[in-house]
Protein backbone atom coordinates (compact mmCIF):
# COMPACT_ATOMS: atom_id res chain seq x y z
CA UNK A 1 0.00 0.00 0.00
CA UNK A 2 1.23 3.47 -0.86
CA UNK A 3 2.16 6.01 1.78
CA UNK A 4 -0.73 8.16 2.97
CA UNK A 5 -1.25 11.63 4.43
CA UNK A 6 -0.30 11.47 8.11
CA UNK A 7 2.37 8.77 7.60
CA UNK A 8 6.03 9.28 8.51
CA UNK A 9 8.56 8.87 5.73
CA UNK A 10 10.71 5.75 6.00
CA UNK A 11 14.31 6.10 7.09
CA UNK A 12 16.56 5.57 4.06
CA UNK A 13 19.83 6.84 2.61
CA UNK A 14 19.94 8.61 -0.75
CA UNK A 15 22.72 10.05 -2.88
CA UNK A 16 23.26 13.65 -3.94
CA UNK A 17 26.17 15.12 -5.86
CA UNK A 18 28.71 16.82 -3.63
CA UNK A 19 31.86 18.74 -4.46
CA UNK A 20 33.92 15.53 -4.65
CA UNK A 21 31.31 13.16 -6.09
CA UNK A 22 28.22 11.38 -4.76
CA UNK A 23 27.51 11.86 -1.06
CA UNK A 24 25.05 10.09 1.22
CA UNK A 25 22.12 11.97 2.70
CA UNK A 26 19.44 10.47 4.93
CA UNK A 27 15.74 11.03 5.28
CA UNK A 28 16.44 12.78 8.59
CA UNK A 29 19.01 15.08 6.95
CA UNK A 30 16.43 16.17 4.41
CA UNK A 31 13.18 16.26 6.38
CA UNK A 32 13.70 16.37 10.18
CA UNK A 33 12.48 19.68 11.58
CA UNK A 34 11.80 21.08 8.11
CA UNK A 35 8.91 21.80 5.78
CA UNK A 36 9.80 20.28 2.41
CA UNK A 37 8.19 19.97 -0.99
CA UNK A 38 9.22 16.65 -2.50
CA UNK A 39 8.32 15.84 -6.07
CA UNK A 40 9.23 12.72 -7.98
CA UNK A 41 9.54 12.03 -11.66
CA UNK A 42 9.74 8.79 -13.66
CA UNK A 43 13.14 9.76 -15.01
CA UNK A 44 15.64 12.55 -15.49
CA UNK A 45 15.84 13.90 -19.04
CA UNK A 46 12.53 12.26 -20.02
CA UNK A 47 10.15 14.54 -21.99
CA UNK A 48 7.38 15.35 -19.49
CA UNK A 49 9.84 15.65 -16.64
CA UNK A 50 12.20 17.94 -18.54
CA UNK A 51 9.71 20.05 -20.47
CA UNK A 52 7.05 20.54 -17.78
CA UNK A 53 7.60 19.09 -14.32
CA UNK A 54 11.07 20.23 -13.20
CA UNK A 55 10.89 23.61 -14.98
CA UNK A 56 7.71 24.49 -13.09
CA UNK A 57 9.53 24.05 -9.79
CA UNK A 58 12.57 25.96 -11.04
CA UNK A 59 10.41 28.95 -12.06
CA UNK A 60 8.32 28.86 -8.88
CA UNK A 61 11.05 28.00 -6.33
CA UNK A 62 11.10 31.48 -4.76
CA UNK A 63 7.30 31.60 -4.47
CA UNK A 64 7.21 28.12 -2.91
CA UNK A 65 9.93 28.98 -0.41
CA UNK A 66 8.15 32.24 0.43
CA UNK A 67 5.28 30.07 1.73
CA UNK A 68 7.52 28.75 4.53
CA UNK A 69 9.10 25.83 2.68
CA UNK A 70 12.69 25.12 3.73
CA UNK A 71 13.65 23.11 0.66
CA UNK A 72 12.41 21.66 -2.60
CA UNK A 73 13.55 18.17 -3.48
CA UNK A 74 13.33 16.44 -6.86
CA UNK A 75 13.60 12.64 -6.67
CA UNK A 76 14.11 10.13 -9.46
CA UNK A 77 15.22 6.54 -9.73
CA UNK A 78 18.45 7.63 -11.39
CA UNK A 79 22.03 7.91 -10.11
CA UNK A 80 23.56 11.03 -8.57
CA UNK A 81 25.60 11.76 -11.72
CA UNK A 82 22.48 11.86 -13.89
CA UNK A 83 20.50 13.90 -11.36
CA UNK A 84 23.35 16.40 -11.09
CA UNK A 85 23.71 16.76 -14.88
CA UNK A 86 19.93 17.13 -15.28
CA UNK A 87 19.72 19.76 -12.54
CA UNK A 88 22.55 21.75 -14.10
CA UNK A 89 20.95 21.54 -17.55
CA UNK A 90 17.71 22.96 -16.08
CA UNK A 91 19.29 25.68 -13.89
CA UNK A 92 17.81 23.98 -10.83
CA UNK A 93 20.17 25.58 -8.30
CA UNK A 94 17.38 26.01 -5.73
CA UNK A 95 16.34 22.35 -5.90
CA UNK A 96 17.96 19.35 -4.24
CA UNK A 97 18.41 16.74 -6.98
CA UNK A 98 17.97 13.48 -5.08
CA UNK A 99 19.03 10.10 -6.45
CA UNK A 100 17.06 7.03 -5.38
CA UNK A 101 19.15 4.90 -7.72
CA UNK A 102 17.95 1.47 -6.58
CA UNK A 103 14.38 2.65 -5.87
CA UNK A 104 14.71 1.78 -2.17
CA UNK A 105 12.71 4.80 -0.95
CA UNK A 106 10.31 4.62 -3.89
CA UNK A 107 9.46 0.99 -3.13
CA UNK A 108 9.19 1.59 0.63
CA UNK A 109 6.56 4.29 0.09
CA UNK A 110 4.73 2.11 -2.46
CA UNK A 111 4.99 4.55 -5.36
CA UNK A 112 7.11 2.52 -7.76
CA UNK A 113 6.09 1.95 -11.36
CA UNK A 114 7.28 -0.98 -13.47
CA UNK A 115 8.37 0.39 -16.85
CA UNK A 116 10.47 -2.65 -17.72
CA UNK A 117 8.45 -3.31 -20.86
CA UNK A 118 9.54 0.09 -22.21
CA UNK A 119 13.18 -0.55 -21.26
CA UNK A 120 13.21 1.74 -18.21
CA UNK A 121 13.01 -0.78 -15.36
CA UNK A 122 11.49 0.14 -12.02
CA UNK A 123 10.88 3.88 -11.74
CA UNK A 124 8.92 6.25 -9.54
CA UNK A 125 5.38 7.31 -10.21
CA UNK A 126 4.98 11.03 -10.78
CA UNK A 127 3.92 12.69 -7.52
CA UNK A 128 4.43 15.64 -5.22
CA UNK A 129 4.10 15.84 -1.48
CA UNK A 130 4.38 18.39 1.25
CA UNK A 131 6.32 16.95 4.18
CA UNK A 132 6.47 18.59 7.60
CA UNK A 133 9.12 17.21 9.98
CA UNK A 134 9.08 13.87 8.16
CA UNK A 135 5.28 13.51 8.09
CA UNK A 136 3.30 13.64 4.85
CA UNK A 137 0.81 16.53 4.91
CA UNK A 138 -0.23 16.39 1.25
CA UNK A 139 0.27 13.73 -1.40
CA UNK A 140 -0.75 14.22 -5.04
CA UNK A 141 -0.08 11.34 -7.44
CA UNK A 142 -0.59 11.77 -11.18
CA UNK A 143 -2.11 9.00 -13.29
CA UNK A 144 -1.25 10.83 -16.51
CA UNK A 145 0.20 14.25 -17.14
CA UNK A 146 1.58 16.61 -14.52
CA UNK A 147 -1.59 18.26 -13.23
CA UNK A 148 -1.79 16.99 -9.65
CA UNK A 149 1.93 17.22 -8.94
CA UNK A 150 2.79 20.45 -10.73
CA UNK A 151 4.56 23.31 -8.99
CA UNK A 152 1.50 25.47 -9.54
CA UNK A 153 -0.79 22.92 -7.83
CA UNK A 154 1.57 22.56 -4.88
CA UNK A 155 2.00 26.34 -4.60
CA UNK A 156 -1.79 26.73 -4.42
CA UNK A 157 -1.94 24.08 -1.65
CA UNK A 158 0.68 25.74 0.55
């Protein structure tokens, strides 16, 4: 069963790109004592994610943070090198580009999507959540498109 509003995020370790290469970061590092917007995409550099989803958060980052959000996190089942390159290509300096390379977090929250038939393997569903001190306050999962998880939708919910 997928994570629900009111649930605590599971404790896992992710990778982010640091000055000297990939570095570990935990759920607590990212979410403890903070208000965070987390959005997930099926894959870095994929069309909907690159044309619509990430750019919306890049453009609206200041407005989202002005609503009391400490950080904005973009998650994908990709490695830290890919997430870093994608973030740089999209001018996503205000967004933490989070690698869930083996889909550990994605599976633990029940939001994985099997795209093996299309050659992509296990990926994340497209979603956005507002997390307050590690607890999910809002969860919007898209079936198709980027309507429920868009930056504009999340901004309106804050």
